Amino acid sequence: PQGHEYLNNIRTDTAWSQVKTKIQPLGSVALSVVAEVA
């Protein structure tokens, strides 16, 4: 269920691009941070 939730939050290319833009200044981040940003 967590995997489905995470994937739904990053499903569209637009959403995924927004997530990557948001975390880019941090360089490398934990997956849990990516999930929370999404």
PDB file of all heavy atoms in Angstrom:
ATOM      1  N   PRO A   1       0.823  -1.214   0.000  1.00  0.00           N
ATOM      2  CA  PRO A   1       0.000   0.000   0.000  1.00  0.00           C
ATOM      3  C   PRO A   1       0.863   1.273   0.000  1.00  0.00           C
ATOM      4  O   PRO A   1       0.550   2.235  -0.705  1.00  0.00           O
ATOM      5  CB  PRO A   1      -0.819  -0.131   1.283  1.00  0.00           C
ATOM      6  CG  PRO A   1      -0.974  -1.621   1.455  1.00  0.00           C
ATOM      7  CD  PRO A   1       0.364  -2.171   1.020  1.00  0.00           C
ATOM      8  N   GLN A   2       1.978   1.257   0.750  1.00  0.00           N
ATOM      9  CA  GLN A   2       2.878   2.412   0.760  1.00  0.00           C
ATOM     10  C   GLN A   2       3.509   2.624  -0.618  1.00  0.00           C
ATOM     11  O   GLN A   2       3.723   3.751  -1.049  1.00  0.00           O
ATOM     12  CB  GLN A   2       4.000   2.247   1.803  1.00  0.00           C
ATOM     13  CG  GLN A   2       3.514   2.148   3.212  1.00  0.00           C
ATOM     14  CD  GLN A   2       3.343   0.682   3.666  1.00  0.00           C
ATOM     15  OE1 GLN A   2       2.915  -0.178   2.901  1.00  0.00           O
ATOM     16  NE2 GLN A   2       3.658   0.422   4.910  1.00  0.00           N
ATOM     17  N   GLY A   3       3.823   1.518  -1.292  1.00  0.00           N
ATOM     18  CA  GLY A   3       4.384   1.604  -2.637  1.00  0.00           C
ATOM     19  C   GLY A   3       3.407   2.204  -3.623  1.00  0.00           C
ATOM     20  O   GLY A   3       3.770   3.034  -4.457  1.00  0.00           O
ATOM     21  N   HIS A   4       2.140   1.803  -3.520  1.00  0.00           N
ATOM     22  CA  HIS A   4       1.103   2.382  -4.389  1.00  0.00           C
ATOM     23  C   HIS A   4       0.934   3.872  -4.104  1.00  0.00           C
ATOM     24  O   HIS A   4       0.805   4.678  -5.031  1.00  0.00           O
ATOM     25  CB  HIS A   4      -0.232   1.660  -4.197  1.00  0.00           C
ATOM     26  CG  HIS A   4      -0.304   0.333  -4.871  1.00  0.00           C
ATOM     27  ND1 HIS A   4      -0.417   0.189  -6.237  1.00  0.00           N
ATOM     28  CD2 HIS A   4      -0.287  -0.914  -4.362  1.00  0.00           C
ATOM     29  CE1 HIS A   4      -0.462  -1.095  -6.547  1.00  0.00           C
ATOM     30  NE2 HIS A   4      -0.381  -1.788  -5.427  1.00  0.00           N
ATOM     31  N   GLU A   5       0.928   4.238  -2.832  1.00  0.00           N
ATOM     32  CA  GLU A   5       0.778   5.643  -2.462  1.00  0.00           C
ATOM     33  C   GLU A   5       1.929   6.478  -3.016  1.00  0.00           C
ATOM     34  O   GLU A   5       1.722   7.536  -3.619  1.00  0.00           O
ATOM     35  CB  GLU A   5       0.711   5.786  -0.948  1.00  0.00           C
ATOM     36  CG  GLU A   5       0.572   7.220  -0.477  1.00  0.00           C
ATOM     37  CD  GLU A   5       0.534   7.348   1.037  1.00  0.00           C
ATOM     38  OE1 GLU A   5       0.161   6.386   1.736  1.00  0.00           O
ATOM     39  OE2 GLU A   5       0.881   8.435   1.520  1.00  0.00           O
ATOM     40  N   TYR A   6       3.145   6.003  -2.801  1.00  0.00           N
ATOM     41  CA  TYR A   6       4.322   6.721  -3.297  1.00  0.00           C
ATOM     42  C   TYR A   6       4.266   6.857  -4.814  1.00  0.00           C
ATOM     43  O   TYR A   6       4.466   7.955  -5.359  1.00  0.00           O
ATOM     44  CB  TYR A   6       5.593   5.998  -2.859  1.00  0.00           C
ATOM     45  CG  TYR A   6       6.850   6.574  -3.445  1.00  0.00           C
ATOM     46  CD1 TYR A   6       7.290   7.845  -3.095  1.00  0.00           C
ATOM     47  CD2 TYR A   6       7.620   5.844  -4.350  1.00  0.00           C
ATOM     48  CE1 TYR A   6       8.454   8.382  -3.634  1.00  0.00           C
ATOM     49  CE2 TYR A   6       8.779   6.375  -4.889  1.00  0.00           C
ATOM     50  CZ  TYR A   6       9.190   7.639  -4.522  1.00  0.00           C
ATOM     51  OH  TYR A   6      10.337   8.162  -5.075  1.00  0.00           O
ATOM     52  N   LEU A   7       3.976   5.765  -5.507  1.00  0.00           N
ATOM     53  CA  LEU A   7       3.933   5.799  -6.966  1.00  0.00           C
ATOM     54  C   LEU A   7       2.837   6.737  -7.459  1.00  0.00           C
ATOM     55  O   LEU A   7       3.037   7.489  -8.410  1.00  0.00           O
ATOM     56  CB  LEU A   7       3.734   4.389  -7.531  1.00  0.00           C
ATOM     57  CG  LEU A   7       3.868   4.255  -9.047  1.00  0.00           C
ATOM     58  CD1 LEU A   7       5.221   4.769  -9.539  1.00  0.00           C
ATOM     59  CD2 LEU A   7       3.667   2.809  -9.460  1.00  0.00           C
ATOM     60  N   ASN A   8       1.696   6.735  -6.808  1.00  0.00           N
ATOM     61  CA  ASN A   8       0.620   7.650  -7.210  1.00  0.00           C
ATOM     62  C   ASN A   8       1.034   9.110  -7.041  1.00  0.00           C
ATOM     63  O   ASN A   8       0.639   9.964  -7.839  1.00  0.00           O
ATOM     64  CB  ASN A   8      -0.660   7.361  -6.431  1.00  0.00           C
ATOM     65  CG  ASN A   8      -1.362   6.132  -6.953  1.00  0.00           C
ATOM     66  OD1 ASN A   8      -1.235   5.778  -8.121  1.00  0.00           O
ATOM     67  ND2 ASN A   8      -2.102   5.466  -6.091  1.00  0.00           N
ATOM     68  N   ASN A   9       1.835   9.393  -6.020  1.00  0.00           N
ATOM     69  CA  ASN A   9       2.273  10.766  -5.788  1.00  0.00           C
ATOM     70  C   ASN A   9       3.334  11.240  -6.775  1.00  0.00           C
ATOM     71  O   ASN A   9       3.548  12.441  -6.917  1.00  0.00           O
ATOM     72  CB  ASN A   9       2.792  10.931  -4.354  1.00  0.00           C
ATOM     73  CG  ASN A   9       1.684  10.902  -3.336  1.00  0.00           C
ATOM     74  OD1 ASN A   9       0.520  11.177  -3.642  1.00  0.00           O
ATOM     75  ND2 ASN A   9       2.019  10.558  -2.108  1.00  0.00           N
ATOM     76  N   ILE A  10       3.987  10.306  -7.466  1.00  0.00           N
ATOM     77  CA  ILE A  10       5.011  10.674  -8.455  1.00  0.00           C
ATOM     78  C   ILE A  10       4.666  10.133  -9.849  1.00  0.00           C
ATOM     79  O   ILE A  10       5.515  10.104 -10.737  1.00  0.00           O
ATOM     80  CB  ILE A  10       6.417  10.166  -8.039  1.00  0.00           C
ATOM     81  CG1 ILE A  10       6.441   8.639  -7.928  1.00  0.00           C
ATOM     82  CG2 ILE A  10       6.873  10.843  -6.767  1.00  0.00           C
ATOM     83  CD1 ILE A  10       7.839   8.058  -7.824  1.00  0.00           C
ATOM     84  N   ARG A  11       3.425   9.750 -10.044  1.00  0.00           N
ATOM     85  CA  ARG A  11       3.016   9.075 -11.286  1.00  0.00           C
ATOM     86  C   ARG A  11       3.230   9.934 -12.532  1.00  0.00           C
ATOM     87  O   ARG A  11       3.797   9.483 -13.520  1.00  0.00           O
ATOM     88  CB  ARG A  11       1.560   8.642 -11.197  1.00  0.00           C
ATOM     89  CG  ARG A  11       1.102   7.868 -12.423  1.00  0.00           C
ATOM     90  CD  ARG A  11      -0.264   7.262 -12.221  1.00  0.00           C
ATOM     91  NE  ARG A  11      -0.296   6.332 -11.110  1.00  0.00           N
ATOM     92  CZ  ARG A  11       0.162   5.072 -11.140  1.00  0.00           C
ATOM     93  NH1 ARG A  11       0.695   4.599 -12.247  1.00  0.00           N
ATOM     94  NH2 ARG A  11       0.076   4.303 -10.078  1.00  0.00           N
ATOM     95  N   THR A  12       2.765  11.162 -12.509  1.00  0.00           N
ATOM     96  CA  THR A  12       2.887  11.981 -13.713  1.00  0.00           C
ATOM     97  C   THR A  12       4.301  12.537 -13.833  1.00  0.00           C
ATOM     98  O   THR A  12       4.981  12.761 -12.831  1.00  0.00           O
ATOM     99  CB  THR A  12       1.889  13.157 -13.714  1.00  0.00           C
ATOM    100  OG1 THR A  12       2.255  14.078 -12.691  1.00  0.00           O
ATOM    101  CG2 THR A  12       0.459  12.663 -13.517  1.00  0.00           C
ATOM    102  N   ASP A  13       4.707  12.764 -15.066  1.00  0.00           N
ATOM    103  CA  ASP A  13       6.023  13.353 -15.287  1.00  0.00           C
ATOM    104  C   ASP A  13       6.111  14.741 -14.651  1.00  0.00           C
ATOM    105  O   ASP A  13       7.160  15.131 -14.153  1.00  0.00           O
ATOM    106  CB  ASP A  13       6.340  13.434 -16.785  1.00  0.00           C
ATOM    107  CG  ASP A  13       6.589  12.069 -17.404  1.00  0.00           C
ATOM    108  OD1 ASP A  13       6.940  11.118 -16.655  1.00  0.00           O
ATOM    109  OD2 ASP A  13       6.441  11.938 -18.631  1.00  0.00           O
ATOM    110  N   THR A  14       4.998  15.464 -14.659  1.00  0.00           N
ATOM    111  CA  THR A  14       4.968  16.797 -14.044  1.00  0.00           C
ATOM    112  C   THR A  14       5.212  16.705 -12.547  1.00  0.00           C
ATOM    113  O   THR A  14       6.043  17.438 -11.996  1.00  0.00           O
ATOM    114  CB  THR A  14       3.614  17.486 -14.322  1.00  0.00           C
ATOM    115  OG1 THR A  14       3.435  17.589 -15.730  1.00  0.00           O
ATOM    116  CG2 THR A  14       3.552  18.858 -13.679  1.00  0.00           C
ATOM    117  N   ALA A  15       4.517  15.799 -11.880  1.00  0.00           N
ATOM    118  CA  ALA A  15       4.692  15.637 -10.436  1.00  0.00           C
ATOM    119  C   ALA A  15       6.117  15.203 -10.118  1.00  0.00           C
ATOM    120  O   ALA A  15       6.746  15.731  -9.195  1.00  0.00           O
ATOM    121  CB  ALA A  15       3.687  14.621  -9.883  1.00  0.00           C
ATOM    122  N   TRP A  16       6.638  14.266 -10.883  1.00  0.00           N
ATOM    123  CA  TRP A  16       7.992  13.762 -10.643  1.00  0.00           C
ATOM    124  C   TRP A  16       9.016  14.885 -10.859  1.00  0.00           C
ATOM    125  O   TRP A  16       9.958  15.035 -10.092  1.00  0.00           O
ATOM    126  CB  TRP A  16       8.266  12.571 -11.550  1.00  0.00           C
ATOM    127  CG  TRP A  16       9.611  11.947 -11.383  1.00  0.00           C
ATOM    128  CD1 TRP A  16      10.522  11.708 -12.374  1.00  0.00           C
ATOM    129  CD2 TRP A  16      10.218  11.475 -10.178  1.00  0.00           C
ATOM    130  NE1 TRP A  16      11.647  11.111 -11.855  1.00  0.00           N
ATOM    131  CE2 TRP A  16      11.487  10.959 -10.505  1.00  0.00           C
ATOM    132  CE3 TRP A  16       9.814  11.432  -8.858  1.00  0.00           C
ATOM    133  CZ2 TRP A  16      12.355  10.420  -9.562  1.00  0.00           C
ATOM    134  CZ3 TRP A  16      10.678  10.897  -7.908  1.00  0.00           C
ATOM    135  CH2 TRP A  16      11.928  10.396  -8.267  1.00  0.00           C
ATOM    136  N   SER A  17       8.820  15.685 -11.883  1.00  0.00           N
ATOM    137  CA  SER A  17       9.712  16.799 -12.156  1.00  0.00           C
ATOM    138  C   SER A  17       9.681  17.822 -11.012  1.00  0.00           C
ATOM    139  O   SER A  17      10.726  18.350 -10.614  1.00  0.00           O
ATOM    140  CB  SER A  17       9.305  17.472 -13.472  1.00  0.00           C
ATOM    141  OG  SER A  17      10.127  18.565 -13.739  1.00  0.00           O
ATOM    142  N   GLN A  18       8.498  18.085 -10.475  1.00  0.00           N
ATOM    143  CA  GLN A  18       8.379  19.021  -9.352  1.00  0.00           C
ATOM    144  C   GLN A  18       9.100  18.495  -8.113  1.00  0.00           C
ATOM    145  O   GLN A  18       9.760  19.256  -7.402  1.00  0.00           O
ATOM    146  CB  GLN A  18       6.909  19.288  -9.038  1.00  0.00           C
ATOM    147  CG  GLN A  18       6.218  20.106 -10.099  1.00  0.00           C
ATOM    148  CD  GLN A  18       4.715  20.205  -9.871  1.00  0.00           C
ATOM    149  OE1 GLN A  18       4.116  19.421  -9.144  1.00  0.00           O
ATOM    150  NE2 GLN A  18       4.104  21.184 -10.518  1.00  0.00           N
ATOM    151  N   VAL A  19       8.984  17.206  -7.875  1.00  0.00           N
ATOM    152  CA  VAL A  19       9.676  16.598  -6.733  1.00  0.00           C
ATOM    153  C   VAL A  19      11.183  16.729  -6.918  1.00  0.00           C
ATOM    154  O   VAL A  19      11.896  17.144  -5.998  1.00  0.00           O
ATOM    155  CB  VAL A  19       9.267  15.119  -6.542  1.00  0.00           C
ATOM    156  CG1 VAL A  19      10.169  14.416  -5.530  1.00  0.00           C
ATOM    157  CG2 VAL A  19       7.806  15.011  -6.135  1.00  0.00           C
ATOM    158  N   LYS A  20      11.678  16.385  -8.097  1.00  0.00           N
ATOM    159  CA  LYS A  20      13.122  16.462  -8.349  1.00  0.00           C
ATOM    160  C   LYS A  20      13.630  17.894  -8.217  1.00  0.00           C
ATOM    161  O   LYS A  20      14.709  18.127  -7.661  1.00  0.00           O
ATOM    162  CB  LYS A  20      13.455  15.891  -9.729  1.00  0.00           C
ATOM    163  CG  LYS A  20      13.263  14.393  -9.820  1.00  0.00           C
ATOM    164  CD  LYS A  20      13.810  13.806 -11.098  1.00  0.00           C
ATOM    165  CE  LYS A  20      13.146  14.361 -12.325  1.00  0.00           C
ATOM    166  NZ  LYS A  20      13.594  13.718 -13.571  1.00  0.00           N
ATOM    167  N   THR A  21      12.853  18.861  -8.694  1.00  0.00           N
ATOM    168  CA  THR A  21      13.241  20.265  -8.574  1.00  0.00           C
ATOM    169  C   THR A  21      13.333  20.685  -7.110  1.00  0.00           C
ATOM    170  O   THR A  21      14.253  21.384  -6.699  1.00  0.00           O
ATOM    171  CB  THR A  21      12.233  21.168  -9.319  1.00  0.00           C
ATOM    172  OG1 THR A  21      12.251  20.817 -10.702  1.00  0.00           O
ATOM    173  CG2 THR A  21      12.561  22.637  -9.158  1.00  0.00           C
ATOM    174  N   LYS A  22      12.385  20.227  -6.318  1.00  0.00           N
ATOM    175  CA  LYS A  22      12.332  20.585  -4.896  1.00  0.00           C
ATOM    176  C   LYS A  22      13.525  20.023  -4.120  1.00  0.00           C
ATOM    177  O   LYS A  22      14.062  20.682  -3.243  1.00  0.00           O
ATOM    178  CB  LYS A  22      11.016  20.051  -4.319  1.00  0.00           C
ATOM    179  CG  LYS A  22      10.536  20.701  -3.088  1.00  0.00           C
ATOM    180  CD  LYS A  22       9.948  22.039  -3.398  1.00  0.00           C
ATOM    181  CE  LYS A  22       8.831  22.348  -2.454  1.00  0.00           C
ATOM    182  NZ  LYS A  22       8.582  23.778  -2.406  1.00  0.00           N
ATOM    183  N   ILE A  23      13.936  18.792  -4.444  1.00  0.00           N
ATOM    184  CA  ILE A  23      15.018  18.157  -3.679  1.00  0.00           C
ATOM    185  C   ILE A  23      16.403  18.412  -4.262  1.00  0.00           C
ATOM    186  O   ILE A  23      17.398  18.157  -3.598  1.00  0.00           O
ATOM    187  CB  ILE A  23      14.787  16.634  -3.525  1.00  0.00           C
ATOM    188  CG1 ILE A  23      14.797  15.928  -4.874  1.00  0.00           C
ATOM    189  CG2 ILE A  23      13.519  16.349  -2.740  1.00  0.00           C
ATOM    190  CD1 ILE A  23      14.741  14.423  -4.805  1.00  0.00           C
ATOM    191  N   GLN A  24      16.474  18.930  -5.475  1.00  0.00           N
ATOM    192  CA  GLN A  24      17.759  19.138  -6.151  1.00  0.00           C
ATOM    193  C   GLN A  24      18.774  19.925  -5.318  1.00  0.00           C
ATOM    194  O   GLN A  24      19.944  19.538  -5.263  1.00  0.00           O
ATOM    195  CB  GLN A  24      17.551  19.818  -7.496  1.00  0.00           C
ATOM    196  CG  GLN A  24      18.824  19.986  -8.285  1.00  0.00           C
ATOM    197  CD  GLN A  24      18.588  20.676  -9.609  1.00  0.00           C
ATOM    198  OE1 GLN A  24      17.566  21.321  -9.797  1.00  0.00           O
ATOM    199  NE2 GLN A  24      19.531  20.537 -10.509  1.00  0.00           N
ATOM    200  N   PRO A  25      18.390  21.001  -4.634  1.00  0.00           N
ATOM    201  CA  PRO A  25      19.388  21.748  -3.853  1.00  0.00           C
ATOM    202  C   PRO A  25      20.055  20.919  -2.748  1.00  0.00           C
ATOM    203  O   PRO A  25      21.148  21.242  -2.299  1.00  0.00           O
ATOM    204  CB  PRO A  25      18.590  22.897  -3.234  1.00  0.00           C
ATOM    205  CG  PRO A  25      17.392  23.041  -4.099  1.00  0.00           C
ATOM    206  CD  PRO A  25      17.096  21.672  -4.620  1.00  0.00           C
ATOM    207  N   LEU A  26      19.406  19.845  -2.339  1.00  0.00           N
ATOM    208  CA  LEU A  26      19.960  19.021  -1.269  1.00  0.00           C
ATOM    209  C   LEU A  26      20.968  17.997  -1.770  1.00  0.00           C
ATOM    210  O   LEU A  26      21.667  17.369  -0.978  1.00  0.00           O
ATOM    211  CB  LEU A  26      18.822  18.298  -0.534  1.00  0.00           C
ATOM    212  CG  LEU A  26      17.760  19.200   0.090  1.00  0.00           C
ATOM    213  CD1 LEU A  26      16.631  18.364   0.658  1.00  0.00           C
ATOM    214  CD2 LEU A  26      18.372  20.091   1.141  1.00  0.00           C
ATOM    215  N   GLY A  27      21.011  17.801  -3.070  1.00  0.00           N
ATOM    216  CA  GLY A  27      21.908  16.786  -3.631  1.00  0.00           C
ATOM    217  C   GLY A  27      21.296  15.412  -3.480  1.00  0.00           C
ATOM    218  O   GLY A  27      20.359  15.061  -4.165  1.00  0.00           O
ATOM    219  N   SER A  28      21.789  14.664  -2.538  1.00  0.00           N
ATOM    220  CA  SER A  28      21.305  13.308  -2.291  1.00  0.00           C
ATOM    221  C   SER A  28      20.416  13.306  -1.047  1.00  0.00           C
ATOM    222  O   SER A  28      20.778  13.890  -0.026  1.00  0.00           O
ATOM    223  CB  SER A  28      22.501  12.384  -2.077  1.00  0.00           C
ATOM    224  OG  SER A  28      22.070  11.078  -1.829  1.00  0.00           O
ATOM    225  N   VAL A  29      19.248  12.679  -1.160  1.00  0.00           N
ATOM    226  CA  VAL A  29      18.333  12.602  -0.016  1.00  0.00           C
ATOM    227  C   VAL A  29      17.800  11.184   0.130  1.00  0.00           C
ATOM    228  O   VAL A  29      17.808  10.400  -0.821  1.00  0.00           O
ATOM    229  CB  VAL A  29      17.144  13.581  -0.145  1.00  0.00           C
ATOM    230  CG1 VAL A  29      17.615  15.015  -0.181  1.00  0.00           C
ATOM    231  CG2 VAL A  29      16.296  13.275  -1.364  1.00  0.00           C
ATOM    232  N   ALA A  30      17.325  10.884   1.298  1.00  0.00           N
ATOM    233  CA  ALA A  30      16.743   9.572   1.573  1.00  0.00           C
ATOM    234  C   ALA A  30      15.420   9.423   0.829  1.00  0.00           C
ATOM    235  O   ALA A  30      14.717  10.410   0.571  1.00  0.00           O
ATOM    236  CB  ALA A  30      16.510   9.411   3.070  1.00  0.00           C
ATOM    237  N   LEU A  31      15.087   8.193   0.507  1.00  0.00           N
ATOM    238  CA  LEU A  31      13.821   7.903  -0.168  1.00  0.00           C
ATOM    239  C   LEU A  31      12.637   8.396   0.653  1.00  0.00           C
ATOM    240  O   LEU A  31      11.656   8.889   0.099  1.00  0.00           O
ATOM    241  CB  LEU A  31      13.696   6.400  -0.441  1.00  0.00           C
ATOM    242  CG  LEU A  31      12.445   5.937  -1.172  1.00  0.00           C
ATOM    243  CD1 LEU A  31      12.316   6.617  -2.537  1.00  0.00           C
ATOM    244  CD2 LEU A  31      12.468   4.430  -1.336  1.00  0.00           C
ATOM    245  N   SER A  32      12.739   8.304   1.966  1.00  0.00           N
ATOM    246  CA  SER A  32      11.640   8.777   2.817  1.00  0.00           C
ATOM    247  C   SER A  32      11.418  10.277   2.645  1.00  0.00           C
ATOM    248  O   SER A  32      10.279  10.754   2.690  1.00  0.00           O
ATOM    249  CB  SER A  32      11.913   8.442   4.287  1.00  0.00           C
ATOM    250  OG  SER A  32      13.106   9.058   4.724  1.00  0.00           O
ATOM    251  N   VAL A  33      12.483  11.034   2.393  1.00  0.00           N
ATOM    252  CA  VAL A  33      12.350  12.473   2.147  1.00  0.00           C
ATOM    253  C   VAL A  33      11.676  12.704   0.801  1.00  0.00           C
ATOM    254  O   VAL A  33      10.782  13.544   0.686  1.00  0.00           O
ATOM    255  CB  VAL A  33      13.729  13.174   2.209  1.00  0.00           C
ATOM    256  CG1 VAL A  33      13.629  14.625   1.771  1.00  0.00           C
ATOM    257  CG2 VAL A  33      14.316  13.063   3.598  1.00  0.00           C
ATOM    258  N   VAL A  34      12.092  11.963  -0.208  1.00  0.00           N
ATOM    259  CA  VAL A  34      11.471  12.070  -1.531  1.00  0.00           C
ATOM    260  C   VAL A  34       9.981  11.776  -1.416  1.00  0.00           C
ATOM    261  O   VAL A  34       9.143  12.503  -1.976  1.00  0.00           O
ATOM    262  CB  VAL A  34      12.139  11.116  -2.543  1.00  0.00           C
ATOM    263  CG1 VAL A  34      11.436  11.182  -3.895  1.00  0.00           C
ATOM    264  CG2 VAL A  34      13.613  11.424  -2.690  1.00  0.00           C
ATOM    265  N   ALA A  35       9.628  10.735  -0.673  1.00  0.00           N
ATOM    266  CA  ALA A  35       8.218  10.370  -0.494  1.00  0.00           C
ATOM    267  C   ALA A  35       7.444  11.480   0.203  1.00  0.00           C
ATOM    268  O   ALA A  35       6.310  11.786  -0.175  1.00  0.00           O
ATOM    269  CB  ALA A  35       8.109   9.065   0.290  1.00  0.00           C
ATOM    270  N   GLU A  36       8.035  12.088   1.216  1.00  0.00           N
ATOM    271  CA  GLU A  36       7.357  13.172   1.944  1.00  0.00           C
ATOM    272  C   GLU A  36       7.183  14.409   1.072  1.00  0.00           C
ATOM    273  O   GLU A  36       6.145  15.064   1.120  1.00  0.00           O
ATOM    274  CB  GLU A  36       8.114  13.522   3.222  1.00  0.00           C
ATOM    275  CG  GLU A  36       7.912  12.525   4.334  1.00  0.00           C
ATOM    276  CD  GLU A  36       6.451  12.381   4.762  1.00  0.00           C
ATOM    277  OE1 GLU A  36       5.749  13.402   4.923  1.00  0.00           O
ATOM    278  OE2 GLU A  36       6.009  11.227   4.915  1.00  0.00           O
ATOM    279  N   VAL A  37       8.194  14.733   0.284  1.00  0.00           N
ATOM    280  CA  VAL A  37       8.087  15.871  -0.641  1.00  0.00           C
ATOM    281  C   VAL A  37       6.979  15.606  -1.650  1.00  0.00           C
ATOM    282  O   VAL A  37       6.150  16.481  -1.922  1.00  0.00           O
ATOM    283  CB  VAL A  37       9.440  16.151  -1.339  1.00  0.00           C
ATOM    284  CG1 VAL A  37       9.278  17.150  -2.481  1.00  0.00           C
ATOM    285  CG2 VAL A  37      10.459  16.648  -0.331  1.00  0.00           C
ATOM    286  N   ALA A  38       6.941  14.401  -2.211  1.00  0.00           N
ATOM    287  CA  ALA A  38       5.902  14.040  -3.186  1.00  0.00           C
ATOM    288  C   ALA A  38       4.517  14.140  -2.555  1.00  0.00           C
ATOM    289  O   ALA A  38       3.585  14.682  -3.160  1.00  0.00           O
ATOM    290  CB  ALA A  38       6.150  12.628  -3.715  1.00  0.00           C
TER     291      ALA A  38
END
